[in-house]
Amino acid sequence: DLEAPFCIFSNISNFTSELREAFTEFMSKDGYISHNNLGECMRTMGYMPTEMELIELSQQICECGGKLDFEDFVELMGPKMLAETADMIGVKELRDAFKEFDSNGDGLISLLELREAMKKLMGEQVTNREINEILRDIDLNGDGLVDFEGKDNTSTILLLLQLSFYFWFQSLCG
C-alpha cells in the first residue's frame, strides 16, 4: 500500500480546506480569481509574497487570460505551502515514507523499487526513461540506489516531497 508516504503531511486535509476556502472567498461569480486579488488571497493563507513575486505572478496570469481557476490556484499555491511545511516534517515521518518505497527493507530504494512505486502512483504514463532521469537526479553518489542516511538524504527528502505533492495535487484536481 503506497498511500503511507503521502500521509507524511498530517495536515494535508487542512491544506485542501485552506486552499478551497481562500479560493472561494476571493473568486468572482464566474469561478475564477483575478490577478488583482491574488496577493490579498495569498496573504490570507499566511504566505507573504514580495512585490516582485506578485508582479511576476500577475504577468503569468495575464498571459493566460488574466484569471485563475481552482486547479491553477492549487498548482500555484500548493508548492509554496508545501515548501513552508517541509521544514516542519519530522525525520520519523520521512523515514516512514522512505520505508514504504523500500519494499525489500534493505534501507535503499533501487531503480526497480522506484519504478514500481511510481507506476503504482502514476500509472503507465510514467516511462522508464523518466524514472531513470529522476533516479539520476537524486542518486548523488551514482550507485543506482537512494539511501536515507547517506549523501542522498536531501535528494531523497525532495523526492518524497515531490511525489507527495504530485499525489496530493492529483487527488484535488483529478
N, C-alpha and C. Protein backbone atom coordinates (compact mmCIF):
# COMPACT_ATOMS: atom_id res chain seq x y z
N ASP A 1 0.85 -1.18 0.00
CA ASP A 1 0.00 0.00 0.00
C ASP A 1 0.89 1.23 0.00
N LEU A 2 0.79 2.03 -1.05
CA LEU A 2 1.68 3.17 -1.19
C LEU A 2 1.05 4.48 -0.73
N GLU A 3 -0.01 4.42 0.03
CA GLU A 3 -0.60 5.67 0.47
C GLU A 3 0.14 6.26 1.66
N ALA A 4 0.85 5.46 2.41
CA ALA A 4 1.53 5.95 3.60
C ALA A 4 2.52 7.08 3.33
N PRO A 5 3.33 7.04 2.24
CA PRO A 5 4.25 8.15 2.05
C PRO A 5 3.54 9.48 1.91
N PHE A 6 2.31 9.43 1.50
CA PHE A 6 1.60 10.66 1.23
C PHE A 6 0.86 11.13 2.46
N CYS A 7 0.99 10.41 3.53
CA CYS A 7 0.40 10.84 4.79
C CYS A 7 1.45 11.52 5.66
N ILE A 8 2.62 11.78 5.11
CA ILE A 8 3.64 12.45 5.92
C ILE A 8 3.22 13.86 6.27
N PHE A 9 2.26 14.38 5.55
CA PHE A 9 1.71 15.68 5.90
C PHE A 9 0.43 15.44 6.66
N SER A 10 0.52 15.48 7.97
CA SER A 10 -0.67 15.20 8.77
C SER A 10 -1.74 16.26 8.54
N ASN A 11 -1.35 17.41 8.03
CA ASN A 11 -2.31 18.49 7.80
C ASN A 11 -2.78 18.56 6.36
N ILE A 12 -2.64 17.49 5.60
CA ILE A 12 -2.96 17.56 4.18
C ILE A 12 -4.41 17.96 3.93
N SER A 13 -5.34 17.46 4.73
CA SER A 13 -6.73 17.85 4.52
C SER A 13 -6.93 19.31 4.91
N ASN A 14 -6.14 19.79 5.88
CA ASN A 14 -6.20 21.21 6.22
C ASN A 14 -5.74 22.08 5.06
N PHE A 15 -4.69 21.62 4.34
CA PHE A 15 -4.23 22.36 3.16
C PHE A 15 -5.35 22.47 2.15
N THR A 16 -6.00 21.35 1.89
CA THR A 16 -7.07 21.33 0.90
C THR A 16 -8.18 22.29 1.32
N SER A 17 -8.58 22.22 2.56
CA SER A 17 -9.64 23.10 3.07
C SER A 17 -9.21 24.56 2.99
N GLU A 18 -7.98 24.83 3.39
CA GLU A 18 -7.48 26.20 3.39
C GLU A 18 -7.43 26.77 1.97
N LEU A 19 -6.95 25.96 1.02
CA LEU A 19 -6.90 26.41 -0.37
C LEU A 19 -8.30 26.68 -0.90
N ARG A 20 -9.21 25.75 -0.60
CA ARG A 20 -10.58 25.90 -1.11
C ARG A 20 -11.26 27.13 -0.49
N GLU A 21 -11.08 27.31 0.81
CA GLU A 21 -11.67 28.47 1.50
C GLU A 21 -11.14 29.78 0.92
N ALA A 22 -9.84 29.86 0.76
CA ALA A 22 -9.24 31.09 0.23
C ALA A 22 -9.71 31.34 -1.19
N PHE A 23 -9.73 30.30 -1.99
CA PHE A 23 -10.17 30.45 -3.37
C PHE A 23 -11.62 30.93 -3.42
N THR A 24 -12.47 30.29 -2.64
CA THR A 24 -13.89 30.64 -2.63
C THR A 24 -14.11 32.07 -2.17
N GLU A 25 -13.35 32.50 -1.17
CA GLU A 25 -13.51 33.85 -0.64
C GLU A 25 -13.18 34.92 -1.69
N PHE A 26 -12.21 34.65 -2.54
CA PHE A 26 -11.75 35.67 -3.48
C PHE A 26 -12.20 35.44 -4.92
N MET A 27 -12.90 34.36 -5.18
CA MET A 27 -13.29 34.11 -6.56
C MET A 27 -14.48 34.99 -6.96
N SER A 28 -14.53 35.27 -8.23
CA SER A 28 -15.64 36.05 -8.77
C SER A 28 -16.81 35.10 -9.06
N LYS A 29 -17.91 35.67 -9.52
CA LYS A 29 -19.10 34.85 -9.79
C LYS A 29 -18.86 33.81 -10.88
N ASP A 30 -17.89 34.06 -11.74
CA ASP A 30 -17.62 33.10 -12.81
C ASP A 30 -16.68 31.97 -12.38
N GLY A 31 -16.29 31.96 -11.08
CA GLY A 31 -15.49 30.85 -10.55
C GLY A 31 -13.99 31.01 -10.70
N TYR A 32 -13.53 32.22 -10.90
CA TYR A 32 -12.10 32.48 -11.07
C TYR A 32 -11.62 33.54 -10.07
N ILE A 33 -10.30 33.55 -9.85
CA ILE A 33 -9.66 34.62 -9.09
C ILE A 33 -8.89 35.46 -10.10
N SER A 34 -9.05 36.77 -10.03
CA SER A 34 -8.31 37.64 -10.94
C SER A 34 -6.92 37.89 -10.38
N HIS A 35 -6.03 38.31 -11.25
CA HIS A 35 -4.66 38.59 -10.80
C HIS A 35 -4.65 39.75 -9.80
N ASN A 36 -5.67 40.61 -9.84
CA ASN A 36 -5.74 41.73 -8.89
C ASN A 36 -5.97 41.27 -7.45
N ASN A 37 -6.66 40.15 -7.28
CA ASN A 37 -6.99 39.66 -5.94
C ASN A 37 -5.99 38.64 -5.40
N LEU A 38 -5.05 38.24 -6.23
CA LEU A 38 -4.16 37.14 -5.85
C LEU A 38 -3.32 37.45 -4.61
N GLY A 39 -2.73 38.64 -4.55
CA GLY A 39 -1.87 38.99 -3.42
C GLY A 39 -2.61 38.94 -2.10
N GLU A 40 -3.79 39.53 -2.07
CA GLU A 40 -4.59 39.52 -0.84
C GLU A 40 -4.98 38.09 -0.47
N CYS A 41 -5.34 37.31 -1.47
CA CYS A 41 -5.70 35.91 -1.22
C CYS A 41 -4.52 35.14 -0.62
N MET A 42 -3.34 35.33 -1.18
CA MET A 42 -2.15 34.65 -0.68
C MET A 42 -1.87 35.05 0.76
N ARG A 43 -2.02 36.33 1.06
CA ARG A 43 -1.75 36.81 2.42
C ARG A 43 -2.73 36.23 3.43
N THR A 44 -3.98 36.00 3.03
CA THR A 44 -4.94 35.42 3.99
C THR A 44 -4.54 34.00 4.39
N MET A 45 -3.74 33.34 3.55
CA MET A 45 -3.28 31.99 3.87
C MET A 45 -1.93 32.01 4.58
N GLY A 46 -1.44 33.22 4.88
CA GLY A 46 -0.18 33.31 5.62
C GLY A 46 1.05 33.34 4.74
N TYR A 47 0.87 33.36 3.43
CA TYR A 47 2.01 33.45 2.53
C TYR A 47 2.19 34.91 2.14
N MET A 48 3.35 35.46 2.42
CA MET A 48 3.60 36.88 2.19
C MET A 48 4.47 37.07 0.95
N PRO A 49 3.83 37.24 -0.21
CA PRO A 49 4.61 37.39 -1.44
C PRO A 49 5.29 38.75 -1.50
N THR A 50 6.45 38.79 -2.11
CA THR A 50 7.13 40.06 -2.33
C THR A 50 6.44 40.78 -3.48
N GLU A 51 6.70 42.07 -3.60
CA GLU A 51 6.12 42.84 -4.71
C GLU A 51 6.57 42.26 -6.05
N MET A 52 7.85 41.89 -6.14
CA MET A 52 8.39 41.33 -7.38
C MET A 52 7.68 40.01 -7.72
N GLU A 53 7.48 39.20 -6.70
CA GLU A 53 6.79 37.93 -6.92
C GLU A 53 5.36 38.17 -7.43
N LEU A 54 4.68 39.14 -6.85
CA LEU A 54 3.32 39.45 -7.30
C LEU A 54 3.30 39.97 -8.73
N ILE A 55 4.27 40.79 -9.08
CA ILE A 55 4.36 41.30 -10.45
C ILE A 55 4.56 40.14 -11.43
N GLU A 56 5.50 39.25 -11.09
CA GLU A 56 5.76 38.10 -11.96
C GLU A 56 4.54 37.20 -12.09
N LEU A 57 3.88 36.93 -10.96
CA LEU A 57 2.68 36.10 -10.99
C LEU A 57 1.57 36.75 -11.80
N SER A 58 1.39 38.05 -11.61
CA SER A 58 0.36 38.78 -12.36
C SER A 58 0.62 38.71 -13.85
N GLN A 59 1.89 38.85 -14.24
CA GLN A 59 2.24 38.76 -15.66
C GLN A 59 1.91 37.37 -16.21
N GLN A 60 2.26 36.34 -15.44
CA GLN A 60 1.96 34.97 -15.88
C GLN A 60 0.46 34.76 -16.02
N ILE A 61 -0.28 35.25 -15.06
CA ILE A 61 -1.74 35.08 -15.09
C ILE A 61 -2.34 35.85 -16.26
N CYS A 62 -1.87 37.07 -16.49
CA CYS A 62 -2.38 37.88 -17.60
C CYS A 62 -2.12 37.20 -18.94
N GLU A 63 -0.97 36.53 -19.06
CA GLU A 63 -0.66 35.81 -20.29
C GLU A 63 -1.61 34.64 -20.52
N CYS A 64 -2.24 34.18 -19.45
CA CYS A 64 -3.15 33.03 -19.54
C CYS A 64 -4.61 33.46 -19.40
N GLY A 65 -4.92 34.68 -19.76
CA GLY A 65 -6.30 35.13 -19.72
C GLY A 65 -6.66 36.00 -18.54
N GLY A 66 -5.75 36.21 -17.61
CA GLY A 66 -5.99 37.12 -16.50
C GLY A 66 -6.70 36.54 -15.30
N LYS A 67 -7.06 35.25 -15.35
CA LYS A 67 -7.80 34.65 -14.24
C LYS A 67 -7.25 33.26 -13.92
N LEU A 68 -7.45 32.86 -12.66
CA LEU A 68 -7.05 31.52 -12.20
C LEU A 68 -8.29 30.73 -11.83
N ASP A 69 -8.37 29.48 -12.31
CA ASP A 69 -9.41 28.60 -11.79
C ASP A 69 -8.82 27.85 -10.59
N PHE A 70 -9.61 27.01 -9.94
CA PHE A 70 -9.13 26.35 -8.73
C PHE A 70 -7.91 25.47 -9.00
N GLU A 71 -7.92 24.75 -10.10
CA GLU A 71 -6.80 23.88 -10.43
C GLU A 71 -5.51 24.68 -10.59
N ASP A 72 -5.58 25.80 -11.29
CA ASP A 72 -4.40 26.67 -11.44
C ASP A 72 -3.95 27.24 -10.09
N PHE A 73 -4.92 27.57 -9.26
CA PHE A 73 -4.64 28.11 -7.93
C PHE A 73 -3.90 27.08 -7.08
N VAL A 74 -4.36 25.84 -7.12
CA VAL A 74 -3.69 24.76 -6.38
C VAL A 74 -2.28 24.57 -6.91
N GLU A 75 -2.13 24.60 -8.23
CA GLU A 75 -0.82 24.43 -8.83
C GLU A 75 0.13 25.56 -8.41
N LEU A 76 -0.41 26.75 -8.26
CA LEU A 76 0.39 27.90 -7.84
C LEU A 76 0.72 27.86 -6.36
N MET A 77 -0.28 27.64 -5.52
CA MET A 77 -0.10 27.75 -4.08
C MET A 77 0.37 26.47 -3.41
N GLY A 78 0.03 25.33 -3.97
CA GLY A 78 0.42 24.06 -3.36
C GLY A 78 1.91 23.96 -3.08
N PRO A 79 2.76 24.19 -4.08
CA PRO A 79 4.21 24.10 -3.82
C PRO A 79 4.70 25.12 -2.80
N LYS A 80 4.11 26.31 -2.79
CA LYS A 80 4.53 27.33 -1.82
C LYS A 80 4.20 26.88 -0.40
N MET A 81 3.01 26.34 -0.22
CA MET A 81 2.62 25.85 1.11
C MET A 81 3.43 24.62 1.47
N LEU A 82 3.68 23.77 0.50
CA LEU A 82 4.45 22.56 0.73
C LEU A 82 5.87 22.90 1.15
N ALA A 83 6.46 23.90 0.51
CA ALA A 83 7.83 24.30 0.85
C ALA A 83 7.90 24.80 2.28
N GLU A 84 6.90 25.57 2.69
CA GLU A 84 6.88 26.06 4.07
C GLU A 84 6.68 24.92 5.06
N THR A 85 5.91 23.93 4.66
CA THR A 85 5.62 22.80 5.53
C THR A 85 6.79 21.83 5.61
N ALA A 86 7.60 21.78 4.57
CA ALA A 86 8.70 20.82 4.53
C ALA A 86 9.61 20.97 5.74
N ASP A 87 9.77 22.19 6.21
CA ASP A 87 10.62 22.42 7.38
C ASP A 87 10.02 21.83 8.65
N MET A 88 8.71 21.61 8.65
CA MET A 88 8.04 21.12 9.86
C MET A 88 7.92 19.60 9.89
N ILE A 89 8.25 18.94 8.79
CA ILE A 89 8.11 17.49 8.73
C ILE A 89 9.24 16.86 9.53
N GLY A 90 8.89 15.93 10.36
CA GLY A 90 9.88 15.28 11.19
C GLY A 90 10.62 14.17 10.47
N VAL A 91 11.78 13.84 10.98
CA VAL A 91 12.60 12.78 10.40
C VAL A 91 11.85 11.45 10.46
N LYS A 92 11.12 11.20 11.54
CA LYS A 92 10.38 9.94 11.66
C LYS A 92 9.38 9.78 10.52
N GLU A 93 8.64 10.85 10.20
CA GLU A 93 7.65 10.78 9.12
C GLU A 93 8.32 10.51 7.78
N LEU A 94 9.45 11.18 7.55
CA LEU A 94 10.18 10.96 6.30
C LEU A 94 10.74 9.55 6.24
N ARG A 95 11.25 9.07 7.37
CA ARG A 95 11.79 7.71 7.40
C ARG A 95 10.67 6.69 7.12
N ASP A 96 9.50 6.92 7.71
CA ASP A 96 8.36 6.03 7.46
C ASP A 96 7.96 6.04 5.99
N ALA A 97 7.96 7.22 5.39
CA ALA A 97 7.64 7.33 3.97
C ALA A 97 8.69 6.60 3.13
N PHE A 98 9.96 6.77 3.50
CA PHE A 98 11.04 6.10 2.79
C PHE A 98 10.85 4.59 2.83
N LYS A 99 10.48 4.08 4.00
CA LYS A 99 10.29 2.64 4.17
C LYS A 99 9.21 2.10 3.25
N GLU A 100 8.20 2.92 2.95
CA GLU A 100 7.14 2.48 2.05
C GLU A 100 7.66 2.25 0.64
N PHE A 101 8.64 3.05 0.22
CA PHE A 101 9.23 2.87 -1.10
C PHE A 101 10.24 1.73 -1.10
N ASP A 102 10.87 1.51 0.04
CA ASP A 102 11.90 0.48 0.18
C ASP A 102 11.21 -0.87 0.43
N SER A 103 10.68 -1.46 -0.64
CA SER A 103 9.82 -2.64 -0.48
C SER A 103 10.54 -3.87 0.07
N ASN A 104 11.85 -4.00 -0.16
CA ASN A 104 12.55 -5.17 0.37
C ASN A 104 13.21 -4.90 1.73
N GLY A 105 13.09 -3.67 2.24
CA GLY A 105 13.57 -3.36 3.58
C GLY A 105 15.07 -3.31 3.76
N ASP A 106 15.83 -3.12 2.67
CA ASP A 106 17.29 -3.11 2.80
C ASP A 106 17.87 -1.72 3.09
N GLY A 107 17.01 -0.73 3.28
CA GLY A 107 17.49 0.62 3.58
C GLY A 107 17.86 1.42 2.36
N LEU A 108 17.57 0.89 1.18
CA LEU A 108 17.89 1.56 -0.08
C LEU A 108 16.67 1.51 -1.00
N ILE A 109 16.52 2.52 -1.83
CA ILE A 109 15.50 2.48 -2.87
C ILE A 109 16.22 2.24 -4.18
N SER A 110 15.96 1.09 -4.77
CA SER A 110 16.60 0.75 -6.04
C SER A 110 15.78 1.30 -7.20
N LEU A 111 16.35 1.22 -8.38
CA LEU A 111 15.64 1.64 -9.58
C LEU A 111 14.34 0.85 -9.72
N LEU A 112 14.39 -0.44 -9.46
CA LEU A 112 13.19 -1.28 -9.56
C LEU A 112 12.13 -0.84 -8.55
N GLU A 113 12.54 -0.57 -7.31
CA GLU A 113 11.57 -0.13 -6.29
C GLU A 113 10.97 1.23 -6.65
N LEU A 114 11.81 2.14 -7.14
CA LEU A 114 11.31 3.45 -7.55
C LEU A 114 10.34 3.29 -8.71
N ARG A 115 10.68 2.45 -9.67
CA ARG A 115 9.82 2.21 -10.83
C ARG A 115 8.48 1.64 -10.38
N GLU A 116 8.50 0.64 -9.49
CA GLU A 116 7.25 0.03 -9.00
C GLU A 116 6.38 1.07 -8.30
N ALA A 117 7.00 1.87 -7.44
CA ALA A 117 6.24 2.87 -6.69
C ALA A 117 5.63 3.91 -7.63
N MET A 118 6.41 4.39 -8.56
CA MET A 118 5.91 5.43 -9.46
C MET A 118 4.83 4.91 -10.40
N LYS A 119 4.97 3.69 -10.85
CA LYS A 119 3.94 3.12 -11.73
C LYS A 119 2.63 2.94 -10.96
N LYS A 120 2.74 2.53 -9.69
CA LYS A 120 1.52 2.40 -8.88
C LYS A 120 0.88 3.76 -8.65
N LEU A 121 1.71 4.76 -8.44
CA LEU A 121 1.19 6.10 -8.16
C LEU A 121 0.64 6.78 -9.40
N MET A 122 1.36 6.67 -10.49
CA MET A 122 1.04 7.48 -11.66
C MET A 122 0.56 6.68 -12.85
N GLY A 123 0.50 5.38 -12.70
CA GLY A 123 0.02 4.56 -13.81
C GLY A 123 1.07 4.41 -14.89
N GLU A 124 0.62 3.97 -16.03
CA GLU A 124 1.53 3.67 -17.13
C GLU A 124 2.05 4.91 -17.84
N GLN A 125 1.57 6.10 -17.45
CA GLN A 125 2.03 7.31 -18.13
C GLN A 125 3.50 7.61 -17.82
N VAL A 126 4.08 6.97 -16.83
CA VAL A 126 5.48 7.18 -16.49
C VAL A 126 6.33 6.21 -17.29
N THR A 127 7.27 6.76 -18.05
CA THR A 127 8.13 5.91 -18.86
C THR A 127 9.37 5.51 -18.07
N ASN A 128 10.01 4.44 -18.50
CA ASN A 128 11.26 4.03 -17.85
C ASN A 128 12.31 5.12 -17.97
N ARG A 129 12.31 5.83 -19.09
CA ARG A 129 13.27 6.92 -19.28
C ARG A 129 13.07 8.01 -18.22
N GLU A 130 11.81 8.37 -17.96
CA GLU A 130 11.52 9.39 -16.95
C GLU A 130 11.96 8.93 -15.56
N ILE A 131 11.71 7.67 -15.26
CA ILE A 131 12.12 7.13 -13.96
C ILE A 131 13.64 7.13 -13.84
N ASN A 132 14.32 6.75 -14.91
CA ASN A 132 15.79 6.77 -14.90
C ASN A 132 16.32 8.19 -14.70
N GLU A 133 15.67 9.18 -15.32
CA GLU A 133 16.09 10.58 -15.15
C GLU A 133 15.91 11.03 -13.70
N ILE A 134 14.79 10.65 -13.10
CA ILE A 134 14.54 11.02 -11.70
C ILE A 134 15.61 10.39 -10.81
N LEU A 135 15.87 9.11 -11.00
CA LEU A 135 16.87 8.44 -10.18
C LEU A 135 18.24 9.08 -10.38
N ARG A 136 18.58 9.40 -11.61
CA ARG A 136 19.88 10.03 -11.88
C ARG A 136 19.99 11.38 -11.14
N ASP A 137 18.88 12.12 -11.08
CA ASP A 137 18.89 13.41 -10.39
C ASP A 137 19.06 13.27 -8.88
N ILE A 138 18.53 12.20 -8.30
CA ILE A 138 18.58 12.08 -6.84
C ILE A 138 19.68 11.16 -6.34
N ASP A 139 20.28 10.38 -7.23
CA ASP A 139 21.34 9.45 -6.84
C ASP A 139 22.68 10.16 -6.93
N LEU A 140 23.00 10.91 -5.88
CA LEU A 140 24.18 11.77 -5.91
C LEU A 140 25.49 11.01 -6.01
N ASN A 141 25.57 9.82 -5.43
CA ASN A 141 26.84 9.10 -5.48
C ASN A 141 26.92 8.13 -6.66
N GLY A 142 25.86 8.08 -7.48
CA GLY A 142 25.90 7.33 -8.72
C GLY A 142 25.91 5.82 -8.60
N ASP A 143 25.47 5.27 -7.46
CA ASP A 143 25.50 3.82 -7.29
C ASP A 143 24.19 3.14 -7.73
N GLY A 144 23.24 3.92 -8.24
CA GLY A 144 21.97 3.34 -8.69
C GLY A 144 20.99 3.09 -7.56
N LEU A 145 21.33 3.55 -6.37
CA LEU A 145 20.47 3.35 -5.20
C LEU A 145 20.31 4.68 -4.47
N VAL A 146 19.19 4.84 -3.81
CA VAL A 146 18.96 6.03 -2.99
C VAL A 146 18.85 5.57 -1.56
N ASP A 147 19.68 6.16 -0.68
CA ASP A 147 19.61 5.79 0.73
C ASP A 147 19.07 6.97 1.54
N PHE A 148 18.65 6.67 2.74
CA PHE A 148 18.06 7.72 3.57
C PHE A 148 19.13 8.43 4.39
N GLU A 149 20.12 7.71 4.83
CA GLU A 149 21.09 8.25 5.78
C GLU A 149 22.29 8.93 5.13
N GLY A 150 22.65 8.49 3.94
CA GLY A 150 23.91 8.95 3.36
C GLY A 150 23.82 10.24 2.59
N LYS A 151 24.64 10.32 1.55
CA LYS A 151 24.76 11.54 0.76
C LYS A 151 23.49 11.88 0.00
N ASP A 152 22.63 10.90 -0.21
CA ASP A 152 21.41 11.14 -0.98
C ASP A 152 20.27 11.69 -0.13
N ASN A 153 20.52 11.96 1.15
CA ASN A 153 19.44 12.33 2.07
C ASN A 153 18.61 13.50 1.59
N THR A 154 19.23 14.60 1.22
CA THR A 154 18.48 15.78 0.78
C THR A 154 17.67 15.47 -0.46
N SER A 155 18.28 14.76 -1.39
CA SER A 155 17.56 14.40 -2.61
C SER A 155 16.41 13.45 -2.32
N THR A 156 16.60 12.55 -1.39
CA THR A 156 15.53 11.63 -1.01
C THR A 156 14.35 12.40 -0.44
N ILE A 157 14.63 13.34 0.42
CA ILE A 157 13.57 14.15 1.01
C ILE A 157 12.83 14.91 -0.09
N LEU A 158 13.59 15.49 -1.03
CA LEU A 158 12.95 16.21 -2.13
C LEU A 158 12.09 15.28 -2.97
N LEU A 159 12.57 14.07 -3.22
CA LEU A 159 11.77 13.10 -3.98
C LEU A 159 10.47 12.80 -3.27
N LEU A 160 10.54 12.52 -1.98
CA LEU A 160 9.33 12.21 -1.22
C LEU A 160 8.37 13.40 -1.23
N LEU A 161 8.90 14.60 -1.10
CA LEU A 161 8.04 15.79 -1.14
C LEU A 161 7.41 15.97 -2.51
N GLN A 162 8.19 15.77 -3.57
CA GLN A 162 7.65 15.93 -4.92
C GLN A 162 6.57 14.90 -5.20
N LEU A 163 6.83 13.65 -4.85
CA LEU A 163 5.83 12.61 -5.08
C LEU A 163 4.60 12.85 -4.22
N SER A 164 4.81 13.32 -3.00
CA SER A 164 3.68 13.62 -2.12
C SER A 164 2.83 14.74 -2.71
N PHE A 165 3.50 15.79 -3.21
CA PHE A 165 2.74 16.88 -3.80
C PHE A 165 2.00 16.42 -5.04
N TYR A 166 2.67 15.60 -5.86
CA TYR A 166 2.02 15.11 -7.08
C TYR A 166 0.74 14.35 -6.73
N PHE A 167 0.85 13.45 -5.77
CA PHE A 167 -0.31 12.65 -5.38
C PHE A 167 -1.41 13.54 -4.81
N TRP A 168 -1.03 14.49 -3.98
CA TRP A 168 -2.00 15.41 -3.37
C TRP A 168 -2.69 16.24 -4.44
N PHE A 169 -1.92 16.77 -5.38
CA PHE A 169 -2.48 17.59 -6.44
C PHE A 169 -3.45 16.77 -7.29
N GLN A 170 -3.06 15.53 -7.61
CA GLN A 170 -3.93 14.66 -8.41
C GLN A 170 -5.23 14.38 -7.66
N SER A 171 -5.15 14.20 -6.35
CA SER A 171 -6.36 13.90 -5.58
C SER A 171 -7.28 15.12 -5.51
N LEU A 172 -6.71 16.32 -5.54
CA LEU A 172 -7.53 17.54 -5.51
C LEU A 172 -8.20 17.80 -6.85
N CYS A 173 -7.44 17.64 -7.91
CA CYS A 173 -7.90 18.09 -9.23
C CYS A 173 -8.30 16.94 -10.14
N GLY A 174 -7.95 15.72 -9.75
CA GLY A 174 -8.23 14.59 -10.62
C GLY A 174 -9.61 14.13 -10.46
